[in-house]
N, C-alpha and C. Protein backbone atom coordinates (compact mmCIF):
# COMPACT_ATOMS: atom_id res chain seq x y z
N MET A 1 47.21 125.05 124.71
CA MET A 1 46.10 125.69 125.27
C MET A 1 44.87 124.59 124.87
N LYS A 2 43.97 124.39 125.95
CA LYS A 2 42.88 123.59 125.64
C LYS A 2 41.59 124.36 126.23
N ASN A 3 40.48 123.90 125.65
CA ASN A 3 39.14 124.36 126.20
C ASN A 3 38.54 123.41 127.19
N ILE A 4 38.38 123.86 128.48
CA ILE A 4 37.95 122.86 129.46
C ILE A 4 36.56 123.38 130.02
N LEU A 5 35.61 122.37 129.98
CA LEU A 5 34.27 122.63 130.62
C LEU A 5 34.21 121.83 131.96
N ILE A 6 34.09 122.70 132.92
CA ILE A 6 33.93 122.27 134.45
C ILE A 6 32.37 122.22 134.86
N VAL A 7 31.96 120.94 134.90
CA VAL A 7 30.52 120.91 135.26
C VAL A 7 30.50 120.59 136.72
N GLY A 8 29.75 121.38 137.36
CA GLY A 8 29.73 121.42 138.86
C GLY A 8 30.94 122.36 139.32
N ALA A 9 30.96 123.67 138.63
CA ALA A 9 32.02 124.55 138.89
C ALA A 9 32.10 125.46 140.41
N THR A 10 30.77 125.13 140.94
CA THR A 10 30.75 125.82 142.23
C THR A 10 30.77 124.77 143.41
N GLY A 11 30.93 123.65 143.00
CA GLY A 11 31.18 122.45 144.17
C GLY A 11 32.67 122.65 144.76
N SER A 12 32.95 122.05 145.75
CA SER A 12 34.15 122.20 146.51
C SER A 12 35.30 121.77 145.77
N VAL A 13 35.24 120.65 144.96
CA VAL A 13 36.32 120.13 144.15
C VAL A 13 36.51 120.90 143.00
N GLY A 14 35.09 121.38 142.36
CA GLY A 14 35.16 122.25 141.19
C GLY A 14 35.83 123.50 141.54
N GLN A 15 35.60 124.22 142.47
CA GLN A 15 36.22 125.40 142.65
C GLN A 15 37.79 125.38 142.78
N VAL A 16 38.32 124.27 143.41
CA VAL A 16 39.67 124.08 143.65
C VAL A 16 40.39 123.80 142.31
N THR A 17 39.74 123.04 141.61
CA THR A 17 40.16 122.65 140.33
C THR A 17 40.27 123.80 139.40
N ARG A 18 39.10 124.53 139.49
CA ARG A 18 39.17 125.81 138.58
C ARG A 18 40.42 126.62 138.86
N LYS A 19 40.76 126.85 140.17
CA LYS A 19 41.81 127.84 140.59
C LYS A 19 43.15 127.15 140.05
N LEU A 20 43.40 125.85 140.15
CA LEU A 20 44.47 125.31 139.69
C LEU A 20 44.57 125.40 138.10
N PHE A 21 43.59 125.29 137.38
CA PHE A 21 43.68 125.37 136.06
C PHE A 21 44.10 126.83 135.73
N LEU A 22 43.68 127.86 136.30
CA LEU A 22 44.08 129.18 136.00
C LEU A 22 45.50 129.32 136.44
N GLU A 23 45.99 128.88 137.62
CA GLU A 23 47.20 129.09 137.93
C GLU A 23 48.29 128.14 137.11
N GLN A 24 48.02 127.05 136.75
CA GLN A 24 49.06 126.13 136.08
C GLN A 24 48.87 126.03 134.59
N THR A 25 47.90 126.47 134.00
CA THR A 25 47.90 126.41 132.51
C THR A 25 47.40 127.71 132.00
N GLN A 26 47.34 127.57 130.63
CA GLN A 26 46.81 128.77 129.74
C GLN A 26 45.54 128.35 129.22
N ASP A 27 44.81 127.30 129.68
CA ASP A 27 43.56 126.87 129.27
C ASP A 27 42.43 127.85 129.29
N GLN A 28 41.51 127.77 128.37
CA GLN A 28 40.31 128.45 128.39
C GLN A 28 39.21 127.74 129.22
N LEU A 29 38.64 128.29 130.17
CA LEU A 29 37.58 127.48 131.05
C LEU A 29 36.01 127.99 130.85
N THR A 30 35.14 127.01 130.74
CA THR A 30 33.78 127.13 130.85
C THR A 30 33.29 126.69 131.95
N LEU A 31 32.75 127.27 132.66
CA LEU A 31 32.12 127.08 133.98
C LEU A 31 30.53 126.86 134.14
N PHE A 32 30.29 125.61 134.31
CA PHE A 32 28.84 125.15 134.24
C PHE A 32 28.28 124.79 135.74
N SER A 33 27.13 125.38 136.05
CA SER A 33 26.56 125.11 137.37
C SER A 33 25.35 125.66 137.44
N ARG A 34 24.43 124.87 138.12
CA ARG A 34 23.10 125.47 138.47
C ARG A 34 23.18 126.85 139.25
N ASN A 35 24.25 127.02 139.99
CA ASN A 35 24.32 128.04 140.90
C ASN A 35 25.48 129.03 140.38
N ALA A 36 25.42 129.29 139.10
CA ALA A 36 26.48 130.15 138.71
C ALA A 36 26.41 131.46 139.34
N HIS A 37 25.63 132.03 139.93
CA HIS A 37 25.69 133.26 140.63
C HIS A 37 26.61 133.24 141.86
N ARG A 38 27.03 131.86 142.20
CA ARG A 38 28.04 131.78 143.33
C ARG A 38 29.38 132.00 142.75
N LEU A 39 29.61 132.14 141.43
CA LEU A 39 30.95 132.22 140.93
C LEU A 39 31.50 133.56 141.04
N HIS A 40 32.66 133.61 141.64
CA HIS A 40 33.21 135.14 141.82
C HIS A 40 34.58 135.08 141.02
N GLY A 41 35.01 136.44 140.77
CA GLY A 41 36.39 136.68 140.28
C GLY A 41 36.45 136.08 138.78
N ILE A 42 35.42 136.12 137.99
CA ILE A 42 35.58 135.66 136.67
C ILE A 42 36.87 136.46 135.84
N ASP A 43 37.64 135.64 135.38
CA ASP A 43 38.79 136.03 134.50
C ASP A 43 38.11 136.13 133.11
N GLU A 44 37.73 137.47 132.53
CA GLU A 44 36.89 137.54 131.46
C GLU A 44 37.88 137.19 130.22
N ASN A 45 39.19 137.17 130.43
CA ASN A 45 40.04 136.76 129.26
C ASN A 45 40.21 135.22 129.06
N ARG A 46 39.69 134.47 130.23
CA ARG A 46 40.11 133.23 130.18
C ARG A 46 38.62 132.13 130.59
N GLU A 47 37.74 132.88 131.10
CA GLU A 47 36.52 132.25 131.60
C GLU A 47 35.33 132.67 131.05
N LYS A 48 34.35 131.78 131.02
CA LYS A 48 33.14 132.25 130.58
C LYS A 48 32.02 131.18 131.44
N PHE A 49 30.73 131.62 131.67
CA PHE A 49 30.21 130.69 132.81
C PHE A 49 28.75 130.57 132.18
N PHE A 50 28.17 129.28 132.38
CA PHE A 50 26.74 129.01 131.93
C PHE A 50 26.01 128.65 133.28
N ALA A 51 24.86 129.15 133.51
CA ALA A 51 23.93 128.60 134.57
C ALA A 51 22.96 127.66 133.93
N GLY A 52 23.04 126.53 134.25
CA GLY A 52 22.02 125.52 133.73
C GLY A 52 22.05 124.21 134.41
N SER A 53 21.26 123.25 134.01
CA SER A 53 21.10 122.04 134.64
C SER A 53 21.70 120.93 133.74
N VAL A 54 22.61 119.96 134.26
CA VAL A 54 23.15 118.99 133.44
C VAL A 54 21.95 118.11 132.78
N LEU A 55 20.73 118.19 133.42
CA LEU A 55 19.71 117.20 132.83
C LEU A 55 18.92 118.11 131.52
N ASN A 56 19.36 119.24 131.41
CA ASN A 56 18.63 119.97 130.38
C ASN A 56 19.52 119.98 129.10
N PRO A 57 19.22 119.21 128.14
CA PRO A 57 20.08 118.89 126.95
C PRO A 57 20.57 120.25 126.20
N THR A 58 19.54 121.16 126.28
CA THR A 58 19.91 122.38 125.35
C THR A 58 20.85 123.29 126.14
N GLU A 59 20.79 123.47 127.48
CA GLU A 59 21.70 124.16 128.14
C GLU A 59 23.12 123.36 128.27
N LEU A 60 23.04 122.01 128.40
CA LEU A 60 24.29 121.46 128.34
C LEU A 60 25.12 121.34 127.11
N ASP A 61 24.24 121.13 125.94
CA ASP A 61 24.91 121.21 124.68
C ASP A 61 25.54 122.71 124.36
N GLU A 62 24.84 123.65 124.76
CA GLU A 62 25.39 124.97 124.55
C GLU A 62 26.68 125.16 125.18
N ALA A 63 26.80 124.67 126.40
CA ALA A 63 28.00 124.79 127.05
C ALA A 63 29.22 123.93 126.54
N MET A 64 28.82 122.84 125.89
CA MET A 64 29.60 121.72 125.46
C MET A 64 30.32 122.30 124.12
N GLN A 65 29.79 123.15 123.37
CA GLN A 65 30.33 123.59 122.33
C GLN A 65 31.87 124.00 122.26
N GLY A 66 32.63 123.45 121.48
CA GLY A 66 33.98 123.67 121.31
C GLY A 66 34.89 123.38 122.30
N GLN A 67 34.54 122.30 123.10
CA GLN A 67 35.22 121.90 124.30
C GLN A 67 36.14 120.87 124.01
N ASP A 68 37.39 120.74 124.56
CA ASP A 68 38.30 119.62 124.35
C ASP A 68 38.23 118.62 125.61
N VAL A 69 37.88 118.97 126.75
CA VAL A 69 37.85 118.24 127.77
C VAL A 69 36.67 118.44 128.75
N VAL A 70 35.91 117.56 129.20
CA VAL A 70 34.95 117.78 130.34
C VAL A 70 35.47 117.25 131.52
N PHE A 71 35.36 118.08 132.56
CA PHE A 71 35.55 117.64 134.00
C PHE A 71 34.35 117.79 134.63
N ALA A 72 33.73 116.66 135.29
CA ALA A 72 32.60 116.65 136.06
C ALA A 72 32.67 116.20 137.52
N SER A 73 32.42 117.03 138.54
CA SER A 73 32.28 116.79 139.94
C SER A 73 30.87 116.97 140.33
N LEU A 74 30.26 116.27 140.67
CA LEU A 74 28.58 116.38 140.97
C LEU A 74 28.21 115.63 142.06
N SER A 75 26.88 115.98 142.47
CA SER A 75 26.19 115.24 143.47
C SER A 75 24.86 115.19 143.00
N GLY A 76 24.20 114.04 143.49
CA GLY A 76 22.72 113.96 143.12
C GLY A 76 22.58 112.72 142.46
N ASP A 77 21.60 112.54 141.44
CA ASP A 77 21.46 111.37 140.69
C ASP A 77 22.61 111.18 139.71
N LEU A 78 23.59 110.48 140.10
CA LEU A 78 24.92 110.65 139.32
C LEU A 78 24.65 109.85 138.10
N LYS A 79 24.05 108.68 138.10
CA LYS A 79 23.79 107.82 136.92
C LYS A 79 23.25 108.57 135.86
N LYS A 80 22.02 109.26 136.19
CA LYS A 80 21.25 110.12 135.28
C LYS A 80 22.28 111.26 134.79
N MET A 81 22.99 111.90 135.59
CA MET A 81 23.74 112.96 135.09
C MET A 81 24.83 112.47 134.33
N ALA A 82 25.33 111.39 134.49
CA ALA A 82 26.45 110.66 133.65
C ALA A 82 25.95 110.49 132.24
N GLU A 83 24.77 109.89 132.34
CA GLU A 83 24.07 109.48 130.79
C GLU A 83 23.82 110.84 130.20
N ALA A 84 23.46 111.88 130.94
CA ALA A 84 23.15 113.17 130.08
C ALA A 84 24.50 113.85 129.63
N ILE A 85 25.60 113.86 130.37
CA ILE A 85 26.84 114.33 129.97
C ILE A 85 27.29 113.45 128.69
N VAL A 86 27.29 112.11 128.88
CA VAL A 86 27.82 111.39 127.75
C VAL A 86 26.89 111.56 126.54
N SER A 87 25.83 111.76 126.61
CA SER A 87 24.74 112.10 125.28
C SER A 87 25.11 113.37 124.73
N SER A 88 25.27 114.29 125.74
CA SER A 88 25.70 115.69 125.04
C SER A 88 27.04 115.67 124.19
N MET A 89 27.97 114.93 124.99
CA MET A 89 29.40 115.04 124.43
C MET A 89 29.30 114.15 123.01
N LYS A 90 28.39 113.27 122.91
CA LYS A 90 28.44 112.58 121.69
C LYS A 90 27.64 113.42 120.58
N ARG A 91 26.65 114.07 120.97
CA ARG A 91 25.88 115.10 120.13
C ARG A 91 26.72 116.05 119.49
N VAL A 92 27.59 116.69 120.37
CA VAL A 92 28.51 117.78 120.17
C VAL A 92 29.88 117.31 119.49
N GLY A 93 30.32 116.27 119.89
CA GLY A 93 31.54 115.80 119.27
C GLY A 93 32.69 115.81 120.26
N VAL A 94 32.41 115.89 121.60
CA VAL A 94 33.67 116.01 122.51
C VAL A 94 34.03 114.63 122.90
N LYS A 95 35.27 114.41 123.10
CA LYS A 95 35.71 112.98 123.25
C LYS A 95 36.26 112.59 124.58
N LYS A 96 36.81 113.71 125.38
CA LYS A 96 37.53 113.36 126.71
C LYS A 96 36.74 114.01 127.87
N ILE A 97 36.62 113.03 128.88
CA ILE A 97 35.92 113.24 130.03
C ILE A 97 36.70 112.65 131.32
N ILE A 98 36.76 113.58 132.38
CA ILE A 98 37.21 113.20 133.57
C ILE A 98 36.13 113.31 134.61
N PHE A 99 35.77 112.10 135.25
CA PHE A 99 34.55 111.98 136.12
C PHE A 99 34.91 111.73 137.47
N ILE A 100 34.33 112.36 138.62
CA ILE A 100 34.59 112.10 139.89
C ILE A 100 33.76 111.01 140.49
N ALA A 101 34.09 110.13 140.87
CA ALA A 101 33.25 109.15 141.53
C ALA A 101 33.69 108.86 143.02
N SER A 102 33.74 107.76 143.56
CA SER A 102 34.19 107.65 145.03
C SER A 102 35.12 106.32 145.08
N MET A 103 35.84 106.28 146.15
CA MET A 103 36.65 105.08 146.54
C MET A 103 35.61 104.03 147.15
N GLY A 104 35.83 102.76 146.96
CA GLY A 104 35.00 101.70 147.49
C GLY A 104 33.86 101.14 146.59
N ILE A 105 33.88 101.76 145.37
CA ILE A 105 32.77 101.18 144.32
C ILE A 105 33.21 99.95 143.89
N TYR A 106 34.56 99.56 144.00
CA TYR A 106 35.05 98.25 143.48
C TYR A 106 35.34 97.29 144.73
N ASN A 107 34.85 97.76 145.82
CA ASN A 107 35.38 96.97 147.11
C ASN A 107 36.87 97.06 147.15
N GLU A 108 37.29 98.12 146.91
CA GLU A 108 38.97 97.96 146.84
C GLU A 108 39.51 98.72 148.13
N ILE A 109 38.82 99.01 149.16
CA ILE A 109 39.34 99.51 150.56
C ILE A 109 39.73 98.38 151.39
N PRO A 110 41.01 98.15 151.57
CA PRO A 110 41.23 96.90 152.35
C PRO A 110 40.83 96.99 153.93
N ALA A 111 40.85 96.02 154.60
CA ALA A 111 40.19 95.94 155.97
C ALA A 111 40.91 96.84 156.90
N SER A 112 42.25 97.13 156.64
CA SER A 112 43.22 97.88 157.40
C SER A 112 42.65 99.40 157.40
N LEU A 113 41.95 99.79 156.34
CA LEU A 113 41.49 101.13 156.13
C LEU A 113 40.09 101.29 156.51
N GLY A 114 39.28 100.16 156.79
CA GLY A 114 37.93 100.24 157.12
C GLY A 114 37.00 99.87 155.88
N ALA A 115 36.95 98.34 155.76
CA ALA A 115 36.18 97.93 154.63
C ALA A 115 34.83 98.29 154.72
N ALA A 116 34.26 98.84 155.75
CA ALA A 116 32.89 99.21 155.70
C ALA A 116 32.64 100.29 154.95
N GLY A 117 33.66 100.85 154.25
CA GLY A 117 33.59 101.97 153.31
C GLY A 117 33.36 101.41 151.79
N ASN A 118 33.34 100.06 151.56
CA ASN A 118 33.24 99.44 150.40
C ASN A 118 31.63 99.37 150.03
N LEU A 119 31.47 99.25 148.74
CA LEU A 119 30.06 99.09 148.18
C LEU A 119 29.27 97.89 148.79
N GLN A 120 30.01 96.74 149.18
CA GLN A 120 29.46 95.72 149.67
C GLN A 120 28.80 95.98 151.00
N SER A 121 29.33 96.93 151.71
CA SER A 121 28.84 97.32 153.10
C SER A 121 28.10 98.66 153.11
N SER A 122 28.10 99.43 152.06
CA SER A 122 27.66 100.72 151.90
C SER A 122 26.77 100.88 150.72
N PRO A 123 25.51 100.57 150.72
CA PRO A 123 24.75 100.66 149.61
C PRO A 123 24.67 102.10 148.89
N MET A 124 24.87 103.18 149.62
CA MET A 124 24.79 104.50 149.16
C MET A 124 25.87 104.73 147.99
N LEU A 125 27.02 103.86 148.00
CA LEU A 125 27.85 103.97 146.91
C LEU A 125 27.39 103.41 145.52
N GLN A 126 26.36 102.72 145.55
CA GLN A 126 25.79 102.34 144.18
C GLN A 126 25.53 103.39 143.25
N ASN A 127 25.11 104.69 143.66
CA ASN A 127 25.05 105.58 142.89
C ASN A 127 26.33 106.19 142.21
N TYR A 128 27.47 106.07 142.89
CA TYR A 128 28.59 106.32 142.17
C TYR A 128 29.10 105.09 141.29
N ARG A 129 28.80 103.99 141.71
CA ARG A 129 29.24 102.83 140.78
C ARG A 129 28.47 102.82 139.60
N ASP A 130 27.12 103.15 139.72
CA ASP A 130 26.33 103.09 138.31
C ASP A 130 26.90 104.41 137.50
N ALA A 131 27.16 105.34 137.95
CA ALA A 131 27.57 106.39 137.09
C ALA A 131 28.95 106.05 136.53
N ALA A 132 29.81 105.49 137.34
CA ALA A 132 31.18 104.94 136.85
C ALA A 132 31.03 104.06 135.77
N ASP A 133 30.06 103.04 135.86
CA ASP A 133 29.81 102.08 134.84
C ASP A 133 29.29 102.87 133.46
N VAL A 134 28.50 103.95 133.62
CA VAL A 134 27.95 104.51 132.41
C VAL A 134 29.30 105.25 131.75
N ILE A 135 30.02 105.87 132.42
CA ILE A 135 31.28 106.51 131.91
C ILE A 135 32.14 105.46 131.29
N GLU A 136 32.63 104.47 131.92
CA GLU A 136 33.36 103.27 131.22
C GLU A 136 32.66 102.75 130.07
N ALA A 137 31.38 102.62 129.94
CA ALA A 137 30.74 101.98 128.66
C ALA A 137 30.52 102.94 127.45
N SER A 138 30.99 104.32 127.89
CA SER A 138 30.62 105.39 127.02
C SER A 138 31.39 105.35 125.61
N GLY A 139 32.49 104.67 125.49
CA GLY A 139 33.28 104.72 124.18
C GLY A 139 34.14 105.96 124.13
N LEU A 140 33.98 106.86 125.30
CA LEU A 140 34.79 108.20 125.19
C LEU A 140 36.22 107.93 125.75
N ASP A 141 37.19 108.72 125.57
CA ASP A 141 38.39 108.85 126.25
C ASP A 141 38.12 109.40 127.73
N TYR A 142 37.83 108.39 128.62
CA TYR A 142 37.40 108.76 129.87
C TYR A 142 38.60 108.32 130.86
N THR A 143 38.39 109.24 132.07
CA THR A 143 39.12 108.64 133.21
C THR A 143 38.15 108.97 134.40
N VAL A 144 37.91 107.90 135.26
CA VAL A 144 37.15 107.87 136.42
C VAL A 144 38.00 108.04 137.63
N ILE A 145 37.83 109.21 138.27
CA ILE A 145 38.65 109.40 139.54
C ILE A 145 37.83 108.88 140.73
N ARG A 146 38.50 107.98 141.48
CA ARG A 146 37.94 107.39 142.80
C ARG A 146 38.63 108.11 143.92
N PRO A 147 38.20 109.31 144.61
CA PRO A 147 38.99 109.97 145.63
C PRO A 147 38.60 109.34 146.87
N GLY A 148 39.57 109.25 147.96
CA GLY A 148 39.18 108.99 149.31
C GLY A 148 38.52 110.19 149.80
N TRP A 149 38.21 110.04 151.18
CA TRP A 149 37.41 111.22 151.84
C TRP A 149 38.34 112.47 151.62
N PHE A 150 37.77 113.48 151.14
CA PHE A 150 38.53 114.67 150.76
C PHE A 150 38.46 115.74 151.84
N ASP A 151 39.55 116.57 152.01
CA ASP A 151 39.73 117.63 152.96
C ASP A 151 40.27 118.80 152.42
N SER A 152 40.47 119.86 153.19
CA SER A 152 40.93 121.08 152.64
C SER A 152 42.27 121.29 152.81
N SER A 153 43.06 120.21 153.18
CA SER A 153 44.46 120.47 153.22
C SER A 153 45.32 121.03 152.06
N ASN A 154 46.35 121.71 152.16
CA ASN A 154 47.01 122.32 151.08
C ASN A 154 48.11 121.61 150.47
N ASP A 155 48.03 120.26 150.83
CA ASP A 155 49.08 119.33 150.23
C ASP A 155 48.53 118.69 148.85
N THR A 156 49.74 118.18 148.22
CA THR A 156 49.47 117.43 146.91
C THR A 156 50.32 116.13 147.12
N ASP A 157 50.17 115.66 148.39
CA ASP A 157 50.82 114.50 148.55
C ASP A 157 49.72 113.34 148.37
N TYR A 158 49.93 112.61 147.37
CA TYR A 158 49.06 111.75 146.90
C TYR A 158 49.60 110.50 146.03
N GLU A 159 48.90 109.39 146.14
CA GLU A 159 49.47 108.11 145.23
C GLU A 159 47.95 107.86 144.57
N VAL A 160 48.30 107.30 143.45
CA VAL A 160 47.30 106.88 142.37
C VAL A 160 47.14 105.30 142.26
N THR A 161 46.13 104.65 142.43
CA THR A 161 45.87 103.16 142.14
C THR A 161 45.02 103.05 141.08
N LEU A 162 45.42 101.94 140.41
CA LEU A 162 44.49 101.50 139.20
C LEU A 162 43.53 100.65 139.63
N LYS A 163 42.36 100.40 138.76
CA LYS A 163 41.26 99.57 139.24
C LYS A 163 41.75 98.09 139.48
N GLY A 164 41.31 97.60 140.45
CA GLY A 164 41.70 96.20 141.01
C GLY A 164 42.79 96.34 141.98
N GLN A 165 43.42 97.43 142.17
CA GLN A 165 44.49 97.54 143.34
C GLN A 165 43.80 98.24 144.46
N PRO A 166 44.28 97.76 145.65
CA PRO A 166 43.66 98.22 146.92
C PRO A 166 44.09 99.61 147.28
N PHE A 167 43.40 100.53 147.92
CA PHE A 167 43.63 101.72 148.21
C PHE A 167 44.75 101.52 149.42
N GLY A 168 45.58 102.67 149.25
CA GLY A 168 46.76 102.83 150.31
C GLY A 168 46.59 103.89 151.44
N GLY A 169 45.42 104.55 151.48
CA GLY A 169 45.08 105.57 152.43
C GLY A 169 43.69 105.83 152.49
N HIS A 170 43.16 106.53 153.43
CA HIS A 170 41.83 106.80 153.46
C HIS A 170 41.37 108.19 152.98
N ASP A 171 42.35 109.23 153.18
CA ASP A 171 41.88 110.66 152.72
C ASP A 171 42.66 111.23 151.67
N VAL A 172 42.32 112.32 151.32
CA VAL A 172 43.03 113.10 150.24
C VAL A 172 42.56 114.49 150.28
N SER A 173 43.37 115.33 149.77
CA SER A 173 43.12 116.87 149.79
C SER A 173 42.28 117.06 148.38
N ARG A 174 41.42 118.05 148.57
CA ARG A 174 40.77 118.58 147.23
C ARG A 174 41.91 119.07 146.32
N LYS A 175 43.01 119.62 146.64
CA LYS A 175 44.12 120.15 146.02
C LYS A 175 44.69 119.07 145.25
N SER A 176 44.90 117.77 145.92
CA SER A 176 45.49 116.73 145.33
C SER A 176 44.66 116.19 144.09
N ILE A 177 43.38 116.17 144.22
CA ILE A 177 42.41 115.78 143.25
C ILE A 177 42.38 116.79 142.11
N ALA A 178 42.48 118.07 142.41
CA ALA A 178 42.67 119.05 141.38
C ALA A 178 44.03 118.73 140.53
N ASP A 179 45.02 118.65 141.28
CA ASP A 179 46.20 118.38 140.60
C ASP A 179 46.19 117.17 139.68
N LEU A 180 45.65 116.18 140.09
CA LEU A 180 45.59 115.06 139.01
C LEU A 180 44.64 115.30 137.99
N VAL A 181 43.66 115.92 138.22
CA VAL A 181 42.62 116.46 137.16
C VAL A 181 43.44 117.18 136.05
N VAL A 182 44.26 118.27 136.43
CA VAL A 182 44.82 119.16 135.59
C VAL A 182 45.85 118.41 134.79
N LYS A 183 46.52 117.44 135.38
CA LYS A 183 47.71 116.57 134.81
C LYS A 183 46.87 115.70 133.77
N ILE A 184 45.85 115.11 134.00
CA ILE A 184 45.13 114.23 133.07
C ILE A 184 44.49 115.11 131.82
N ALA A 185 44.04 116.18 132.10
CA ALA A 185 43.46 117.13 131.10
C ALA A 185 44.42 117.60 130.26
N GLU A 186 45.59 117.90 130.63
CA GLU A 186 46.78 118.31 129.82
C GLU A 186 47.45 117.26 129.06
N SER A 187 47.24 115.90 129.29
CA SER A 187 48.07 114.95 128.69
C SER A 187 46.82 114.25 127.73
N ASP A 188 47.40 113.72 126.53
CA ASP A 188 46.51 112.88 125.69
C ASP A 188 46.49 111.47 125.96
N LYS A 189 47.46 111.04 127.06
CA LYS A 189 47.62 109.67 127.17
C LYS A 189 47.36 109.21 128.75
N LEU A 190 47.57 110.08 129.65
CA LEU A 190 47.64 109.82 131.03
C LEU A 190 46.20 109.24 131.51
N TYR A 191 46.16 107.95 131.85
CA TYR A 191 45.06 107.35 132.56
C TYR A 191 43.80 107.48 131.47
N VAL A 192 44.12 107.25 130.23
CA VAL A 192 43.10 107.33 129.23
C VAL A 192 42.25 105.87 129.46
N LYS A 193 40.93 105.79 129.51
CA LYS A 193 40.11 104.67 129.61
C LYS A 193 40.59 103.89 130.79
N GLU A 194 40.96 104.69 131.89
CA GLU A 194 41.24 103.89 133.18
C GLU A 194 40.34 104.64 134.44
N SER A 195 40.19 103.77 135.29
CA SER A 195 39.42 104.13 136.64
C SER A 195 40.50 104.20 137.68
N VAL A 196 40.84 105.35 138.27
CA VAL A 196 41.96 105.53 139.10
C VAL A 196 41.55 105.90 140.49
N GLY A 197 42.15 105.30 141.46
CA GLY A 197 41.94 105.72 142.92
C GLY A 197 43.02 106.85 143.33
N ILE A 198 42.61 107.75 144.09
CA ILE A 198 43.65 108.83 144.52
C ILE A 198 43.52 108.90 146.14
N ASN A 199 44.59 108.78 146.91
CA ASN A 199 44.54 108.95 148.31
C ASN A 199 45.92 109.47 148.68
N ARG A 200 45.87 109.89 149.99
CA ARG A 200 47.14 110.37 150.66
C ARG A 200 47.78 109.20 151.39
N PRO A 201 49.09 108.99 150.99
CA PRO A 201 49.57 107.77 151.46
C PRO A 201 49.67 107.77 153.09
N GLU A 202 49.41 106.52 153.64
CA GLU A 202 49.50 106.36 155.01
C GLU A 202 50.57 105.82 155.64
């Protein structure tokens, strides 16, 4: 059993991942969100929640206490958020982080899938790349996950690619992302200090 902090627990990926942790593990969950009032069905035996901002060190440090793994799926100024999370983890002494970025940040989408989705053609991805760079330089036991465009399908049909390998598909389900997150969180070795892509094979 591990203690898992979900940062961005009310987001679409955060919600699906929370559900899978409850179904597939015995882990204790801490749910952190600016919109904690949107959290429903709290399992008082396994879950607690904090309303707060990632950019507020006091609030984040409080939620970070006693955690084994941090899972972050966020939107906004991702570089600043990544810096805040890394700083909090180092202050509190938490070592393992799983961070959601985006496909295309290393120009790894082949032309057959639409290379316009790569950073070199889509400057909006710089936000994700900058955040991934922060996580990779952190010295923590990190995994950066670069999902394809995610949808609400109920499948867990996915493949994982390593940094430097081309993507094999354009889309992926949120449930697939959650499945990978849970597997990485439960393992001490799976994809540690790796940046991995995840997509539904085409």
